[in-house]
PDB file of N, CA and C in Angstrom:
ATOM      1  N   MET A   1       0.820  -1.215   0.000  1.00  0.00           N
ATOM      2  CA  MET A   1       0.000   0.000   0.000  1.00  0.00           C
ATOM      3  C   MET A   1       0.858   1.271   0.000  1.00  0.00           C
ATOM      4  N   PRO A   2       1.833   1.420   0.915  1.00  0.00           N
ATOM      5  CA  PRO A   2       2.608   2.660   0.914  1.00  0.00           C
ATOM      6  C   PRO A   2       3.392   2.871  -0.373  1.00  0.00           C
ATOM      7  N   GLU A   3       3.704   1.796  -1.069  1.00  0.00           N
ATOM      8  CA  GLU A   3       4.471   1.921  -2.311  1.00  0.00           C
ATOM      9  C   GLU A   3       3.735   2.791  -3.327  1.00  0.00           C
ATOM     10  N   ARG A   4       2.426   2.722  -3.316  1.00  0.00           N
ATOM     11  CA  ARG A   4       1.657   3.486  -4.299  1.00  0.00           C
ATOM     12  C   ARG A   4       1.899   4.978  -4.175  1.00  0.00           C
ATOM     13  N   ILE A   5       1.926   5.480  -2.943  1.00  0.00           N
ATOM     14  CA  ILE A   5       2.132   6.929  -2.792  1.00  0.00           C
ATOM     15  C   ILE A   5       3.608   7.276  -2.961  1.00  0.00           C
ATOM     16  N   LYS A   6       4.503   6.390  -2.540  1.00  0.00           N
ATOM     17  CA  LYS A   6       5.939   6.642  -2.731  1.00  0.00           C
ATOM     18  C   LYS A   6       6.274   6.741  -4.218  1.00  0.00           C
ATOM     19  N   ASN A   7       5.658   5.863  -5.016  1.00  0.00           N
ATOM     20  CA  ASN A   7       5.974   5.774  -6.439  1.00  0.00           C
ATOM     21  C   ASN A   7       5.058   6.591  -7.341  1.00  0.00           C
ATOM     22  N   ALA A   8       4.115   7.313  -6.760  1.00  0.00           N
ATOM     23  CA  ALA A   8       3.188   8.106  -7.569  1.00  0.00           C
ATOM     24  C   ALA A   8       3.948   9.190  -8.332  1.00  0.00           C
ATOM     25  N   ARG A   9       3.543   9.394  -9.577  1.00  0.00           N
ATOM     26  CA  ARG A   9       4.187  10.433 -10.389  1.00  0.00           C
ATOM     27  C   ARG A   9       3.880  11.819  -9.855  1.00  0.00           C
ATOM     28  N   GLU A  10       2.647  12.028  -9.423  1.00  0.00           N
ATOM     29  CA  GLU A  10       2.235  13.324  -8.880  1.00  0.00           C
ATOM     30  C   GLU A  10       1.431  13.089  -7.610  1.00  0.00           C
ATOM     31  N   LYS A  11       1.744  13.854  -6.576  1.00  0.00           N
ATOM     32  CA  LYS A  11       0.973  13.774  -5.337  1.00  0.00           C
ATOM     33  C   LYS A  11       0.951  15.122  -4.653  1.00  0.00           C
ATOM     34  N   VAL A  12      -0.021  15.300  -3.780  1.00  0.00           N
ATOM     35  CA  VAL A  12      -0.076  16.498  -2.947  1.00  0.00           C
ATOM     36  C   VAL A  12      -0.052  16.035  -1.500  1.00  0.00           C
ATOM     37  N   VAL A  13       0.598  16.821  -0.655  1.00  0.00           N
ATOM     38  CA  VAL A  13       0.742  16.456   0.750  1.00  0.00           C
ATOM     39  C   VAL A  13       0.168  17.561   1.623  1.00  0.00           C
ATOM     40  N   GLY A  14      -0.611  17.176   2.617  1.00  0.00           N
ATOM     41  CA  GLY A  14      -1.217  18.138   3.536  1.00  0.00           C
ATOM     42  C   GLY A  14      -2.711  18.261   3.303  1.00  0.00           C
ATOM     43  N   THR A  15      -3.390  18.633   4.348  1.00  0.00           N
ATOM     44  CA  THR A  15      -4.856  18.716   4.298  1.00  0.00           C
ATOM     45  C   THR A  15      -5.339  19.758   3.286  1.00  0.00           C
ATOM     46  N   LYS A  16      -4.758  20.950   3.306  1.00  0.00           N
ATOM     47  CA  LYS A  16      -5.200  22.022   2.394  1.00  0.00           C
ATOM     48  C   LYS A  16      -4.999  21.621   0.935  1.00  0.00           C
ATOM     49  N   GLN A  17      -3.823  21.067   0.634  1.00  0.00           N
ATOM     50  CA  GLN A  17      -3.537  20.673  -0.746  1.00  0.00           C
ATOM     51  C   GLN A  17      -4.430  19.511  -1.179  1.00  0.00           C
ATOM     52  N   THR A  18      -4.699  18.593  -0.253  1.00  0.00           N
ATOM     53  CA  THR A  18      -5.573  17.454  -0.560  1.00  0.00           C
ATOM     54  C   THR A  18      -6.992  17.941  -0.845  1.00  0.00           C
ATOM     55  N   LEU A  19      -7.467  18.886  -0.036  1.00  0.00           N
ATOM     56  CA  LEU A  19      -8.806  19.449  -0.265  1.00  0.00           C
ATOM     57  C   LEU A  19      -8.880  20.152  -1.616  1.00  0.00           C
ATOM     58  N   LYS A  20      -7.829  20.895  -1.973  1.00  0.00           N
ATOM     59  CA  LYS A  20      -7.797  21.574  -3.275  1.00  0.00           C
ATOM     60  C   LYS A  20      -7.854  20.560  -4.419  1.00  0.00           C
ATOM     61  N   ALA A  21      -7.061  19.490  -4.306  1.00  0.00           N
ATOM     62  CA  ALA A  21      -7.031  18.463  -5.349  1.00  0.00           C
ATOM     63  C   ALA A  21      -8.383  17.775  -5.470  1.00  0.00           C
ATOM     64  N   LEU A  22      -9.026  17.512  -4.346  1.00  0.00           N
ATOM     65  CA  LEU A  22     -10.365  16.896  -4.363  1.00  0.00           C
ATOM     66  C   LEU A  22     -11.373  17.838  -5.014  1.00  0.00           C
ATOM     67  N   ASP A  23     -11.300  19.103  -4.634  1.00  0.00           N
ATOM     68  CA  ASP A  23     -12.221  20.109  -5.153  1.00  0.00           C
ATOM     69  C   ASP A  23     -12.122  20.230  -6.670  1.00  0.00           C
ATOM     70  N   LYS A  24     -10.889  20.160  -7.180  1.00  0.00           N
ATOM     71  CA  LYS A  24     -10.656  20.273  -8.619  1.00  0.00           C
ATOM     72  C   LYS A  24     -10.903  18.960  -9.360  1.00  0.00           C
ATOM     73  N   GLY A  25     -11.164  17.889  -8.609  1.00  0.00           N
ATOM     74  CA  GLY A  25     -11.378  16.591  -9.239  1.00  0.00           C
ATOM     75  C   GLY A  25     -10.084  15.921  -9.673  1.00  0.00           C
ATOM     76  N   GLU A  26      -8.950  16.328  -9.085  1.00  0.00           N
ATOM     77  CA  GLU A  26      -7.647  15.783  -9.470  1.00  0.00           C
ATOM     78  C   GLU A  26      -7.210  14.599  -8.612  1.00  0.00           C
ATOM     79  N   ALA A  27      -7.768  14.468  -7.407  1.00  0.00           N
ATOM     80  CA  ALA A  27      -7.346  13.401  -6.494  1.00  0.00           C
ATOM     81  C   ALA A  27      -7.901  12.052  -6.943  1.00  0.00           C
ATOM     82  N   LEU A  28      -7.013  11.084  -7.107  1.00  0.00           N
ATOM     83  CA  LEU A  28      -7.407   9.741  -7.529  1.00  0.00           C
ATOM     84  C   LEU A  28      -7.508   8.785  -6.349  1.00  0.00           C
ATOM     85  N   LEU A  29      -6.677   9.021  -5.341  1.00  0.00           N
ATOM     86  CA  LEU A  29      -6.638   8.182  -4.146  1.00  0.00           C
ATOM     87  C   LEU A  29      -6.140   9.042  -2.997  1.00  0.00           C
ATOM     88  N   VAL A  30      -6.817   8.972  -1.851  1.00  0.00           N
ATOM     89  CA  VAL A  30      -6.462   9.809  -0.710  1.00  0.00           C
ATOM     90  C   VAL A  30      -6.019   8.940   0.462  1.00  0.00           C
ATOM     91  N   TYR A  31      -4.957   9.381   1.118  1.00  0.00           N
ATOM     92  CA  TYR A  31      -4.458   8.722   2.332  1.00  0.00           C
ATOM     93  C   TYR A  31      -4.717   9.643   3.508  1.00  0.00           C
ATOM     94  N   VAL A  32      -5.196   9.065   4.628  1.00  0.00           N
ATOM     95  CA  VAL A  32      -5.486   9.844   5.825  1.00  0.00           C
ATOM     96  C   VAL A  32      -4.845   9.149   7.023  1.00  0.00           C
ATOM     97  N   ALA A  33      -4.168   9.923   7.869  1.00  0.00           N
ATOM     98  CA  ALA A  33      -3.530   9.376   9.070  1.00  0.00           C
ATOM     99  C   ALA A  33      -4.594   9.125  10.140  1.00  0.00           C
ATOM    100  N   LYS A  34      -4.543   7.925  10.737  1.00  0.00           N
ATOM    101  CA  LYS A  34      -5.522   7.556  11.767  1.00  0.00           C
ATOM    102  C   LYS A  34      -5.398   8.415  13.023  1.00  0.00           C
ATOM    103  N   ASP A  35      -4.176   8.911  13.299  1.00  0.00           N
ATOM    104  CA  ASP A  35      -3.977   9.696  14.524  1.00  0.00           C
ATOM    105  C   ASP A  35      -4.138  11.206  14.322  1.00  0.00           C
ATOM    106  N   ALA A  36      -4.573  11.598  13.139  1.00  0.00           N
ATOM    107  CA  ALA A  36      -4.798  13.032  12.881  1.00  0.00           C
ATOM    108  C   ALA A  36      -6.064  13.488  13.599  1.00  0.00           C
ATOM    109  N   ASP A  37      -6.101  14.748  13.977  1.00  0.00           N
ATOM    110  CA  ASP A  37      -7.254  15.341  14.648  1.00  0.00           C
ATOM    111  C   ASP A  37      -8.472  15.223  13.731  1.00  0.00           C
ATOM    112  N   SER A  38      -9.561  14.701  14.267  1.00  0.00           N
ATOM    113  CA  SER A  38     -10.753  14.476  13.438  1.00  0.00           C
ATOM    114  C   SER A  38     -11.307  15.772  12.844  1.00  0.00           C
ATOM    115  N   LYS A  39     -11.130  16.907  13.547  1.00  0.00           N
ATOM    116  CA  LYS A  39     -11.604  18.198  13.009  1.00  0.00           C
ATOM    117  C   LYS A  39     -10.850  18.562  11.727  1.00  0.00           C
ATOM    118  N   ILE A  40      -9.600  18.110  11.647  1.00  0.00           N
ATOM    119  CA  ILE A  40      -8.772  18.426  10.489  1.00  0.00           C
ATOM    120  C   ILE A  40      -9.110  17.525   9.298  1.00  0.00           C
ATOM    121  N   ILE A  41      -9.299  16.242   9.561  1.00  0.00           N
ATOM    122  CA  ILE A  41      -9.508  15.316   8.442  1.00  0.00           C
ATOM    123  C   ILE A  41     -10.973  15.114   8.057  1.00  0.00           C
ATOM    124  N   GLN A  42     -11.894  15.553   8.908  1.00  0.00           N
ATOM    125  CA  GLN A  42     -13.321  15.368   8.597  1.00  0.00           C
ATOM    126  C   GLN A  42     -13.723  16.006   7.259  1.00  0.00           C
ATOM    127  N   PRO A  43     -13.286  17.241   6.966  1.00  0.00           N
ATOM    128  CA  PRO A  43     -13.638  17.826   5.657  1.00  0.00           C
ATOM    129  C   PRO A  43     -13.079  17.011   4.482  1.00  0.00           C
ATOM    130  N   VAL A  44     -11.889  16.435   4.676  1.00  0.00           N
ATOM    131  CA  VAL A  44     -11.283  15.610   3.627  1.00  0.00           C
ATOM    132  C   VAL A  44     -12.131  14.363   3.401  1.00  0.00           C
ATOM    133  N   LEU A  45     -12.505  13.695   4.491  1.00  0.00           N
ATOM    134  CA  LEU A  45     -13.315  12.474   4.388  1.00  0.00           C
ATOM    135  C   LEU A  45     -14.678  12.763   3.757  1.00  0.00           C
ATOM    136  N   ALA A  46     -15.285  13.881   4.143  1.00  0.00           N
ATOM    137  CA  ALA A  46     -16.593  14.252   3.591  1.00  0.00           C
ATOM    138  C   ALA A  46     -16.500  14.515   2.086  1.00  0.00           C
ATOM    139  N   LEU A  47     -15.449  15.216   1.664  1.00  0.00           N
ATOM    140  CA  LEU A  47     -15.282  15.526   0.242  1.00  0.00           C
ATOM    141  C   LEU A  47     -14.953  14.264  -0.561  1.00  0.00           C
ATOM    142  N   CYS A  48     -14.177  13.367   0.038  1.00  0.00           N
ATOM    143  CA  CYS A  48     -13.884  12.086  -0.628  1.00  0.00           C
ATOM    144  C   CYS A  48     -15.175  11.314  -0.877  1.00  0.00           C
ATOM    145  N   GLU A  49     -16.031  11.295   0.134  1.00  0.00           N
ATOM    146  CA  GLU A  49     -17.304  10.579  -0.001  1.00  0.00           C
ATOM    147  C   GLU A  49     -18.163  11.225  -1.079  1.00  0.00           C
ATOM    148  N   ALA A  50     -18.230  12.545  -1.075  1.00  0.00           N
ATOM    149  CA  ALA A  50     -19.034  13.269  -2.063  1.00  0.00           C
ATOM    150  C   ALA A  50     -18.519  13.060  -3.486  1.00  0.00           C
ATOM    151  N   LYS A  51     -17.199  12.975  -3.635  1.00  0.00           N
ATOM    152  CA  LYS A  51     -16.593  12.839  -4.968  1.00  0.00           C
ATOM    153  C   LYS A  51     -16.367  11.383  -5.372  1.00  0.00           C
ATOM    154  N   GLY A  52     -16.607  10.449  -4.441  1.00  0.00           N
ATOM    155  CA  GLY A  52     -16.412   9.041  -4.747  1.00  0.00           C
ATOM    156  C   GLY A  52     -14.945   8.637  -4.857  1.00  0.00           C
ATOM    157  N   VAL A  53     -14.085   9.281  -4.049  1.00  0.00           N
ATOM    158  CA  VAL A  53     -12.652   8.980  -4.066  1.00  0.00           C
ATOM    159  C   VAL A  53     -12.330   8.021  -2.918  1.00  0.00           C
ATOM    160  N   GLU A  54     -11.563   6.978  -3.221  1.00  0.00           N
ATOM    161  CA  GLU A  54     -11.200   5.981  -2.220  1.00  0.00           C
ATOM    162  C   GLU A  54     -10.252   6.583  -1.184  1.00  0.00           C
ATOM    163  N   VAL A  55     -10.468   6.206   0.088  1.00  0.00           N
ATOM    164  CA  VAL A  55      -9.630   6.671   1.189  1.00  0.00           C
ATOM    165  C   VAL A  55      -8.894   5.476   1.776  1.00  0.00           C
ATOM    166  N   LYS A  56      -7.578   5.615   1.928  1.00  0.00           N
ATOM    167  CA  LYS A  56      -6.756   4.575   2.550  1.00  0.00           C
ATOM    168  C   LYS A  56      -6.245   5.113   3.882  1.00  0.00           C
ATOM    169  N   PRO A  57      -6.530   4.401   4.984  1.00  0.00           N
ATOM    170  CA  PRO A  57      -6.003   4.842   6.269  1.00  0.00           C
ATOM    171  C   PRO A  57      -4.529   4.472   6.426  1.00  0.00           C
ATOM    172  N   VAL A  58      -3.788   5.333   7.106  1.00  0.00           N
ATOM    173  CA  VAL A  58      -2.379   5.105   7.427  1.00  0.00           C
ATOM    174  C   VAL A  58      -2.272   5.207   8.946  1.00  0.00           C
ATOM    175  N   ASP A  59      -1.428   4.374   9.569  1.00  0.00           N
ATOM    176  CA  ASP A  59      -1.348   4.323  11.028  1.00  0.00           C
ATOM    177  C   ASP A  59      -1.081   5.659  11.707  1.00  0.00           C
ATOM    178  N   SER A  60      -0.127   6.431  11.181  1.00  0.00           N
ATOM    179  CA  SER A  60       0.200   7.682  11.873  1.00  0.00           C
ATOM    180  C   SER A  60       0.583   8.788  10.896  1.00  0.00           C
ATOM    181  N   MET A  61       0.536  10.008  11.411  1.00  0.00           N
ATOM    182  CA  MET A  61       0.929  11.168  10.613  1.00  0.00           C
ATOM    183  C   MET A  61       2.406  11.067  10.240  1.00  0.00           C
ATOM    184  N   ALA A  62       3.230  10.569  11.165  1.00  0.00           N
ATOM    185  CA  ALA A  62       4.662  10.412  10.897  1.00  0.00           C
ATOM    186  C   ALA A  62       4.885   9.432   9.745  1.00  0.00           C
ATOM    187  N   ASP A  63       4.138   8.315   9.762  1.00  0.00           N
ATOM    188  CA  ASP A  63       4.245   7.321   8.684  1.00  0.00           C
ATOM    189  C   ASP A  63       3.857   7.933   7.342  1.00  0.00           C
ATOM    190  N   LEU A  64       2.752   8.670   7.336  1.00  0.00           N
ATOM    191  CA  LEU A  64       2.276   9.273   6.090  1.00  0.00           C
ATOM    192  C   LEU A  64       3.293  10.301   5.576  1.00  0.00           C
ATOM    193  N   GLY A  65       3.834  11.088   6.479  1.00  0.00           N
ATOM    194  CA  GLY A  65       4.848  12.072   6.084  1.00  0.00           C
ATOM    195  C   GLY A  65       6.057  11.405   5.449  1.00  0.00           C
ATOM    196  N   SER A  66       6.549  10.336   6.075  1.00  0.00           N
ATOM    197  CA  SER A  66       7.734   9.666   5.519  1.00  0.00           C
ATOM    198  C   SER A  66       7.406   8.961   4.211  1.00  0.00           C
ATOM    199  N   MET A  67       6.201   8.438   4.073  1.00  0.00           N
ATOM    200  CA  MET A  67       5.773   7.816   2.808  1.00  0.00           C
ATOM    201  C   MET A  67       5.781   8.851   1.677  1.00  0.00           C
ATOM    202  N   CYS A  68       5.502  10.099   2.046  1.00  0.00           N
ATOM    203  CA  CYS A  68       5.453  11.183   1.060  1.00  0.00           C
ATOM    204  C   CYS A  68       6.815  11.839   0.862  1.00  0.00           C
ATOM    205  N   GLY A  69       7.814  11.380   1.611  1.00  0.00           N
ATOM    206  CA  GLY A  69       9.158  11.915   1.449  1.00  0.00           C
ATOM    207  C   GLY A  69       9.412  13.234   2.157  1.00  0.00           C
ATOM    208  N   ILE A  70       8.610  13.512   3.203  1.00  0.00           N
ATOM    209  CA  ILE A  70       8.858  14.736   3.979  1.00  0.00           C
ATOM    210  C   ILE A  70       9.271  14.342   5.398  1.00  0.00           C
ATOM    211  N   LYS A  71       9.907  15.274   6.104  1.00  0.00           N
ATOM    212  CA  LYS A  71      10.448  14.975   7.424  1.00  0.00           C
ATOM    213  C   LYS A  71       9.470  15.266   8.561  1.00  0.00           C
ATOM    214  N   VAL A  72       8.303  15.763   8.229  1.00  0.00           N
ATOM    215  CA  VAL A  72       7.283  16.050   9.249  1.00  0.00           C
ATOM    216  C   VAL A  72       6.049  15.204   8.971  1.00  0.00           C
ATOM    217  N   GLY A  73       5.153  15.148   9.948  1.00  0.00           N
ATOM    218  CA  GLY A  73       3.930  14.373   9.776  1.00  0.00           C
ATOM    219  C   GLY A  73       2.962  15.040   8.813  1.00  0.00           C
ATOM    220  N   ALA A  74       2.079  14.219   8.265  1.00  0.00           N
ATOM    221  CA  ALA A  74       1.035  14.736   7.371  1.00  0.00           C
ATOM    222  C   ALA A  74      -0.287  14.087   7.760  1.00  0.00           C
ATOM    223  N   ALA A  75      -1.340  14.890   7.846  1.00  0.00           N
ATOM    224  CA  ALA A  75      -2.661  14.356   8.193  1.00  0.00           C
ATOM    225  C   ALA A  75      -3.318  13.705   6.985  1.00  0.00           C
ATOM    226  N   ALA A  76      -3.035  14.252   5.793  1.00  0.00           N
ATOM    227  CA  ALA A  76      -3.657  13.745   4.576  1.00  0.00           C
ATOM    228  C   ALA A  76      -2.727  13.958   3.387  1.00  0.00           C
ATOM    229  N   ALA A  77      -2.905  13.115   2.375  1.00  0.00           N
ATOM    230  CA  ALA A  77      -2.154  13.239   1.131  1.00  0.00           C
ATOM    231  C   ALA A  77      -2.995  12.602   0.031  1.00  0.00           C
ATOM    232  N   ALA A  78      -2.764  13.027  -1.191  1.00  0.00           N
ATOM    233  CA  ALA A  78      -3.527  12.482  -2.315  1.00  0.00           C
ATOM    234  C   ALA A  78      -2.627  12.210  -3.507  1.00  0.00           C
ATOM    235  N   ILE A  79      -2.922  11.131  -4.194  1.00  0.00           N
ATOM    236  CA  ILE A  79      -2.242  10.838  -5.460  1.00  0.00           C
ATOM    237  C   ILE A  79      -3.062  11.509  -6.549  1.00  0.00           C
ATOM    238  N   THR A  80      -2.394  12.313  -7.380  1.00  0.00           N
ATOM    239  CA  THR A  80      -3.090  12.967  -8.484  1.00  0.00           C
ATOM    240  C   THR A  80      -2.723  12.357  -9.822  1.00  0.00           C
ATOM    241  N   GLU A  81      -1.626  11.583  -9.839  1.00  0.00           N
ATOM    242  CA  GLU A  81      -1.260  10.846 -11.062  1.00  0.00           C
ATOM    243  C   GLU A  81      -0.435   9.639 -10.655  1.00  0.00           C
ATOM    244  N   PHE A  82      -0.879   8.455 -11.116  1.00  0.00           N
ATOM    245  CA  PHE A  82      -0.172   7.214 -10.746  1.00  0.00           C
ATOM    246  C   PHE A  82       1.097   7.034 -11.523  1.00  0.00           C
TER     247      PHE A  82
END
C-alpha cells in the first residue's frame, strides 16, 4: 500500500492541498492518518465521499509524512497521477 504513494508520479501532501485536489477533481486516491485530529480530516473524508474517491487509512501522521518523502507528519495526502 505505501508503495503506491511513494511511487506516484504526482501527489499532494497536507490537508489544504488534498482538499484543493479533491475540489478540482484531481485526487485519484487519498491517504489519511488515523492519529490526525478528526476536526482536520473530517472535511477531507466528507469531500472524498461526495466525490467518490477511495480513502486509505495510514497508522500515523509520521508514517504518512515519511511515505510522502517529507520529514514532518502529514494528516492527509492524495495521489493525483499514478
